[in-house]
């Protein structure tokens, strides 16, 4: 169960999202951390900006848009962590590529 890449990507996506939420609450007055947080939450913000046009039907639904941005960031960070875990696993398996297969030369049959 703990070897599942999807499970670990999901767990790390949740941890990343919670850390971003806590950082947004606790580090709101530092100019450097504000810029870093804006860069890390940009994917969800771009999606909300693309969908929430001025004068649209759901223009006043600020809580809905905040949840949508948070969900989008969670999905993107889950995909990011899955890719990192997959690349790490692939790189570790390529260190010794002949461990799992037969390296003997097959006999020549004539």
N, C-alpha and C. Protein backbone atom coordinates (compact mmCIF):
# COMPACT_ATOMS: atom_id res chain seq x y z
N UNK A 1 0.82 -1.19 0.00
CA UNK A 1 0.00 0.00 0.00
C UNK A 1 0.86 1.26 0.00
N UNK A 2 1.98 1.23 0.73
CA UNK A 2 2.81 2.42 0.80
C UNK A 2 3.74 2.57 -0.41
N UNK A 3 3.71 1.62 -1.34
CA UNK A 3 4.50 1.73 -2.55
C UNK A 3 3.74 2.41 -3.67
N UNK A 4 2.50 2.75 -3.44
CA UNK A 4 1.67 3.37 -4.46
C UNK A 4 2.09 4.82 -4.68
N UNK A 5 2.44 5.12 -5.92
CA UNK A 5 2.85 6.49 -6.24
C UNK A 5 1.69 7.46 -6.13
N UNK A 6 0.50 7.00 -6.47
CA UNK A 6 -0.68 7.88 -6.42
C UNK A 6 -1.00 8.24 -4.97
N UNK A 7 -0.90 7.28 -4.06
CA UNK A 7 -1.17 7.56 -2.65
C UNK A 7 -0.19 8.61 -2.11
N UNK A 8 1.08 8.42 -2.38
CA UNK A 8 2.08 9.37 -1.88
C UNK A 8 1.93 10.73 -2.56
N UNK A 9 1.58 10.75 -3.83
CA UNK A 9 1.35 12.03 -4.51
C UNK A 9 0.16 12.75 -3.88
N UNK A 10 -0.89 12.00 -3.55
CA UNK A 10 -2.06 12.59 -2.91
C UNK A 10 -1.70 13.15 -1.54
N UNK A 11 -0.94 12.38 -0.75
CA UNK A 11 -0.54 12.84 0.58
C UNK A 11 0.33 14.08 0.49
N UNK A 12 1.31 14.07 -0.41
CA UNK A 12 2.18 15.24 -0.56
C UNK A 12 1.44 16.44 -1.13
N UNK A 13 0.43 16.20 -1.99
CA UNK A 13 -0.41 17.29 -2.48
C UNK A 13 -1.21 17.93 -1.37
N UNK A 14 -1.75 17.11 -0.46
CA UNK A 14 -2.48 17.64 0.70
C UNK A 14 -1.54 18.44 1.60
N UNK A 15 -0.37 17.89 1.87
CA UNK A 15 0.60 18.59 2.72
C UNK A 15 1.01 19.92 2.10
N UNK A 16 1.27 19.93 0.80
CA UNK A 16 1.65 21.17 0.13
C UNK A 16 0.53 22.20 0.19
N UNK A 17 -0.70 21.76 -0.04
CA UNK A 17 -1.83 22.68 0.00
C UNK A 17 -2.05 23.24 1.39
N UNK A 18 -1.93 22.41 2.42
CA UNK A 18 -2.09 22.89 3.79
C UNK A 18 -0.98 23.84 4.16
N UNK A 19 0.25 23.53 3.76
CA UNK A 19 1.37 24.45 4.04
C UNK A 19 1.19 25.79 3.35
N UNK A 20 0.69 25.78 2.12
CA UNK A 20 0.43 27.04 1.43
C UNK A 20 -0.67 27.84 2.13
N UNK A 21 -1.70 27.15 2.58
CA UNK A 21 -2.79 27.83 3.29
C UNK A 21 -2.30 28.43 4.60
N UNK A 22 -1.52 27.67 5.36
CA UNK A 22 -0.97 28.18 6.61
C UNK A 22 0.01 29.33 6.37
N UNK A 23 0.81 29.21 5.33
CA UNK A 23 1.76 30.28 5.03
C UNK A 23 1.02 31.55 4.62
N UNK A 24 -0.08 31.40 3.89
CA UNK A 24 -0.86 32.57 3.49
C UNK A 24 -1.44 33.27 4.71
N UNK A 25 -1.81 32.49 5.73
CA UNK A 25 -2.38 33.08 6.95
C UNK A 25 -1.30 33.69 7.82
N UNK A 26 -0.20 33.00 8.02
CA UNK A 26 0.80 33.43 9.00
C UNK A 26 1.90 34.34 8.44
N UNK A 27 2.16 34.29 7.16
CA UNK A 27 3.26 35.08 6.59
C UNK A 27 2.73 36.18 5.67
N UNK A 28 1.58 36.72 5.98
CA UNK A 28 0.93 37.67 5.08
C UNK A 28 1.61 39.04 5.06
N UNK A 29 2.39 39.37 6.06
CA UNK A 29 2.95 40.72 6.14
C UNK A 29 4.39 40.84 5.67
N UNK A 30 4.99 39.76 5.25
CA UNK A 30 6.35 39.80 4.75
C UNK A 30 6.31 39.97 3.23
N UNK A 31 6.99 41.00 2.69
CA UNK A 31 6.93 41.21 1.23
C UNK A 31 7.55 40.07 0.43
N UNK A 32 8.63 39.49 0.93
CA UNK A 32 9.27 38.39 0.22
C UNK A 32 8.37 37.15 0.20
N UNK A 33 7.82 36.79 1.36
CA UNK A 33 6.95 35.62 1.42
C UNK A 33 5.65 35.83 0.67
N UNK A 34 5.17 37.07 0.61
CA UNK A 34 3.96 37.35 -0.16
C UNK A 34 4.21 37.08 -1.64
N UNK A 35 5.35 37.48 -2.15
CA UNK A 35 5.67 37.23 -3.56
C UNK A 35 5.85 35.74 -3.84
N UNK A 36 6.48 35.03 -2.91
CA UNK A 36 6.66 33.58 -3.08
C UNK A 36 5.31 32.87 -3.09
N UNK A 37 4.43 33.25 -2.16
CA UNK A 37 3.11 32.63 -2.10
C UNK A 37 2.28 32.94 -3.34
N UNK A 38 2.40 34.14 -3.84
CA UNK A 38 1.68 34.48 -5.08
C UNK A 38 2.17 33.62 -6.25
N UNK A 39 3.46 33.36 -6.29
CA UNK A 39 3.98 32.51 -7.37
C UNK A 39 3.53 31.06 -7.22
N UNK A 40 3.46 30.56 -5.98
CA UNK A 40 3.06 29.17 -5.77
C UNK A 40 1.56 28.94 -5.93
N UNK A 41 0.76 29.96 -5.75
CA UNK A 41 -0.69 29.82 -5.92
C UNK A 41 -1.17 30.36 -7.26
N UNK A 42 -0.27 30.63 -8.15
CA UNK A 42 -0.63 31.20 -9.46
C UNK A 42 -1.50 30.30 -10.33
N UNK A 43 -1.31 28.96 -10.36
CA UNK A 43 -2.16 28.15 -11.25
C UNK A 43 -3.65 28.27 -10.94
N UNK A 44 -4.02 28.20 -9.67
CA UNK A 44 -5.43 28.35 -9.31
C UNK A 44 -5.95 29.75 -9.58
N UNK A 45 -5.09 30.74 -9.37
CA UNK A 45 -5.49 32.12 -9.63
C UNK A 45 -5.73 32.35 -11.11
N UNK A 46 -4.89 31.79 -11.96
CA UNK A 46 -5.08 31.95 -13.40
C UNK A 46 -6.38 31.29 -13.86
N UNK A 47 -6.71 30.13 -13.32
CA UNK A 47 -7.96 29.47 -13.68
C UNK A 47 -9.16 30.32 -13.26
N UNK A 48 -9.14 30.83 -12.05
CA UNK A 48 -10.25 31.65 -11.57
C UNK A 48 -10.37 32.93 -12.38
N UNK A 49 -9.25 33.56 -12.71
CA UNK A 49 -9.30 34.77 -13.53
C UNK A 49 -9.86 34.49 -14.92
N UNK A 50 -9.56 33.32 -15.46
CA UNK A 50 -10.08 32.99 -16.79
C UNK A 50 -11.58 32.71 -16.75
N UNK A 51 -12.07 32.14 -15.67
CA UNK A 51 -13.49 31.79 -15.59
C UNK A 51 -14.37 32.91 -15.04
N UNK A 52 -13.83 33.72 -14.15
CA UNK A 52 -14.61 34.77 -13.48
C UNK A 52 -14.47 36.09 -14.22
N UNK A 53 -15.28 36.29 -15.21
CA UNK A 53 -15.26 37.52 -15.99
C UNK A 53 -16.12 38.58 -15.30
N UNK A 54 -15.75 39.86 -15.40
CA UNK A 54 -16.60 40.91 -14.83
C UNK A 54 -17.97 40.93 -15.52
N UNK A 55 -19.02 41.06 -14.73
CA UNK A 55 -20.36 41.09 -15.29
C UNK A 55 -20.92 39.71 -15.57
N UNK A 56 -20.22 38.67 -15.14
CA UNK A 56 -20.68 37.30 -15.36
C UNK A 56 -21.76 36.92 -14.36
N UNK A 57 -22.29 35.74 -14.53
CA UNK A 57 -23.36 35.27 -13.66
C UNK A 57 -22.92 35.05 -12.22
N UNK A 58 -21.70 34.56 -12.04
CA UNK A 58 -21.23 34.24 -10.69
C UNK A 58 -20.19 35.25 -10.22
N UNK A 59 -20.42 36.51 -10.45
CA UNK A 59 -19.43 37.54 -10.12
C UNK A 59 -19.29 37.74 -8.62
N UNK A 60 -20.34 37.50 -7.84
CA UNK A 60 -20.28 37.74 -6.40
C UNK A 60 -19.96 36.52 -5.57
N UNK A 61 -19.63 35.42 -6.16
CA UNK A 61 -19.39 34.18 -5.43
C UNK A 61 -17.93 34.05 -5.04
N UNK A 62 -17.46 34.86 -4.14
CA UNK A 62 -16.04 34.87 -3.81
C UNK A 62 -15.60 33.58 -3.11
N UNK A 63 -16.45 33.02 -2.26
CA UNK A 63 -16.07 31.78 -1.57
C UNK A 63 -15.94 30.62 -2.57
N UNK A 64 -16.84 30.55 -3.55
CA UNK A 64 -16.76 29.52 -4.58
C UNK A 64 -15.46 29.63 -5.36
N UNK A 65 -15.08 30.85 -5.73
CA UNK A 65 -13.86 31.04 -6.51
C UNK A 65 -12.63 30.71 -5.69
N UNK A 66 -12.65 31.01 -4.39
CA UNK A 66 -11.51 30.66 -3.53
C UNK A 66 -11.36 29.14 -3.41
N UNK A 67 -12.47 28.44 -3.26
CA UNK A 67 -12.42 26.97 -3.18
C UNK A 67 -11.96 26.38 -4.51
N UNK A 68 -12.43 26.94 -5.61
CA UNK A 68 -12.01 26.46 -6.93
C UNK A 68 -10.51 26.67 -7.14
N UNK A 69 -9.98 27.82 -6.72
CA UNK A 69 -8.54 28.07 -6.84
C UNK A 69 -7.74 27.12 -5.96
N UNK A 70 -8.22 26.86 -4.73
CA UNK A 70 -7.54 25.93 -3.83
C UNK A 70 -7.54 24.52 -4.42
N UNK A 71 -8.68 24.09 -4.97
CA UNK A 71 -8.79 22.76 -5.57
C UNK A 71 -7.88 22.62 -6.78
N UNK A 72 -7.82 23.65 -7.60
CA UNK A 72 -6.95 23.62 -8.77
C UNK A 72 -5.48 23.51 -8.34
N UNK A 73 -5.09 24.28 -7.34
CA UNK A 73 -3.71 24.19 -6.84
C UNK A 73 -3.44 22.81 -6.27
N UNK A 74 -4.42 22.23 -5.55
CA UNK A 74 -4.23 20.89 -5.01
C UNK A 74 -4.01 19.87 -6.13
N UNK A 75 -4.81 19.92 -7.17
CA UNK A 75 -4.65 18.97 -8.28
C UNK A 75 -3.32 19.15 -9.00
N UNK A 76 -2.91 20.37 -9.20
CA UNK A 76 -1.65 20.62 -9.88
C UNK A 76 -0.47 20.14 -9.04
N UNK A 77 -0.52 20.38 -7.72
CA UNK A 77 0.58 19.91 -6.88
C UNK A 77 0.56 18.40 -6.72
N UNK A 78 -0.60 17.77 -6.77
CA UNK A 78 -0.65 16.31 -6.75
C UNK A 78 -0.02 15.73 -8.01
N UNK A 79 -0.32 16.31 -9.16
CA UNK A 79 0.29 15.87 -10.41
C UNK A 79 1.80 16.12 -10.39
N UNK A 80 2.21 17.26 -9.84
CA UNK A 80 3.63 17.58 -9.73
C UNK A 80 4.35 16.53 -8.88
N UNK A 81 3.79 16.19 -7.70
CA UNK A 81 4.44 15.22 -6.82
C UNK A 81 4.44 13.84 -7.44
N UNK A 82 3.39 13.47 -8.19
CA UNK A 82 3.38 12.17 -8.87
C UNK A 82 4.51 12.11 -9.89
N UNK A 83 4.71 13.21 -10.64
CA UNK A 83 5.79 13.24 -11.63
C UNK A 83 7.16 13.15 -10.95
N UNK A 84 7.33 13.84 -9.83
CA UNK A 84 8.61 13.78 -9.11
C UNK A 84 8.87 12.37 -8.60
N UNK A 85 7.86 11.72 -8.04
CA UNK A 85 8.03 10.36 -7.53
C UNK A 85 8.31 9.39 -8.67
N UNK A 86 7.62 9.55 -9.79
CA UNK A 86 7.83 8.66 -10.94
C UNK A 86 9.25 8.84 -11.51
N UNK A 87 9.70 10.07 -11.66
CA UNK A 87 11.04 10.33 -12.20
C UNK A 87 12.10 9.79 -11.24
N UNK A 88 11.91 9.96 -9.95
CA UNK A 88 12.86 9.44 -8.97
C UNK A 88 12.91 7.92 -9.01
N UNK A 89 11.76 7.29 -9.09
CA UNK A 89 11.73 5.83 -9.18
C UNK A 89 12.37 5.32 -10.46
N UNK A 90 12.13 6.02 -11.56
CA UNK A 90 12.74 5.63 -12.82
C UNK A 90 14.26 5.79 -12.77
N UNK A 91 14.72 6.91 -12.20
CA UNK A 91 16.17 7.14 -12.11
C UNK A 91 16.84 6.12 -11.19
N UNK A 92 16.17 5.75 -10.12
CA UNK A 92 16.75 4.75 -9.22
C UNK A 92 16.79 3.38 -9.86
N UNK A 93 15.80 3.05 -10.68
CA UNK A 93 15.81 1.74 -11.34
C UNK A 93 16.84 1.70 -12.47
N UNK A 94 17.20 2.83 -13.01
CA UNK A 94 18.19 2.87 -14.09
C UNK A 94 19.62 2.82 -13.58
N UNK A 95 19.85 2.92 -12.27
CA UNK A 95 21.21 2.82 -11.74
C UNK A 95 21.78 1.43 -12.00
N UNK A 96 20.97 0.42 -11.84
CA UNK A 96 21.36 -0.96 -12.08
C UNK A 96 20.33 -1.61 -12.99
N UNK A 97 20.40 -1.32 -14.29
CA UNK A 97 19.33 -1.78 -15.18
C UNK A 97 19.31 -3.29 -15.40
N UNK A 98 20.39 -3.99 -15.12
CA UNK A 98 20.44 -5.42 -15.40
C UNK A 98 20.15 -6.29 -14.17
N UNK A 99 19.71 -5.69 -13.09
CA UNK A 99 19.43 -6.47 -11.89
C UNK A 99 18.21 -7.37 -12.07
N UNK A 100 17.24 -6.95 -12.85
CA UNK A 100 15.98 -7.68 -12.94
C UNK A 100 15.86 -8.57 -14.17
N UNK A 101 16.83 -8.58 -15.03
CA UNK A 101 16.70 -9.40 -16.23
C UNK A 101 17.94 -10.25 -16.44
N UNK A 102 17.78 -11.25 -17.27
CA UNK A 102 18.87 -12.17 -17.55
C UNK A 102 19.86 -11.52 -18.50
N UNK A 103 21.13 -11.48 -18.11
CA UNK A 103 22.14 -10.85 -18.94
C UNK A 103 23.00 -11.85 -19.71
N UNK A 104 22.71 -13.14 -19.53
CA UNK A 104 23.47 -14.15 -20.25
C UNK A 104 23.13 -14.14 -21.72
N UNK A 105 24.09 -14.41 -22.53
CA UNK A 105 23.86 -14.46 -23.95
C UNK A 105 23.08 -15.74 -24.28
N UNK A 106 21.99 -15.63 -25.00
CA UNK A 106 21.24 -16.85 -25.31
C UNK A 106 22.05 -17.78 -26.21
N UNK A 107 21.81 -19.08 -26.11
CA UNK A 107 22.57 -20.00 -26.94
C UNK A 107 22.20 -19.85 -28.41
N UNK A 108 23.20 -20.03 -29.25
CA UNK A 108 22.99 -19.93 -30.70
C UNK A 108 22.46 -21.27 -31.18
N UNK A 109 21.33 -21.24 -31.82
CA UNK A 109 20.74 -22.48 -32.37
C UNK A 109 20.85 -22.43 -33.88
N UNK A 110 21.48 -23.47 -34.44
CA UNK A 110 21.62 -23.55 -35.91
C UNK A 110 21.00 -24.79 -36.42
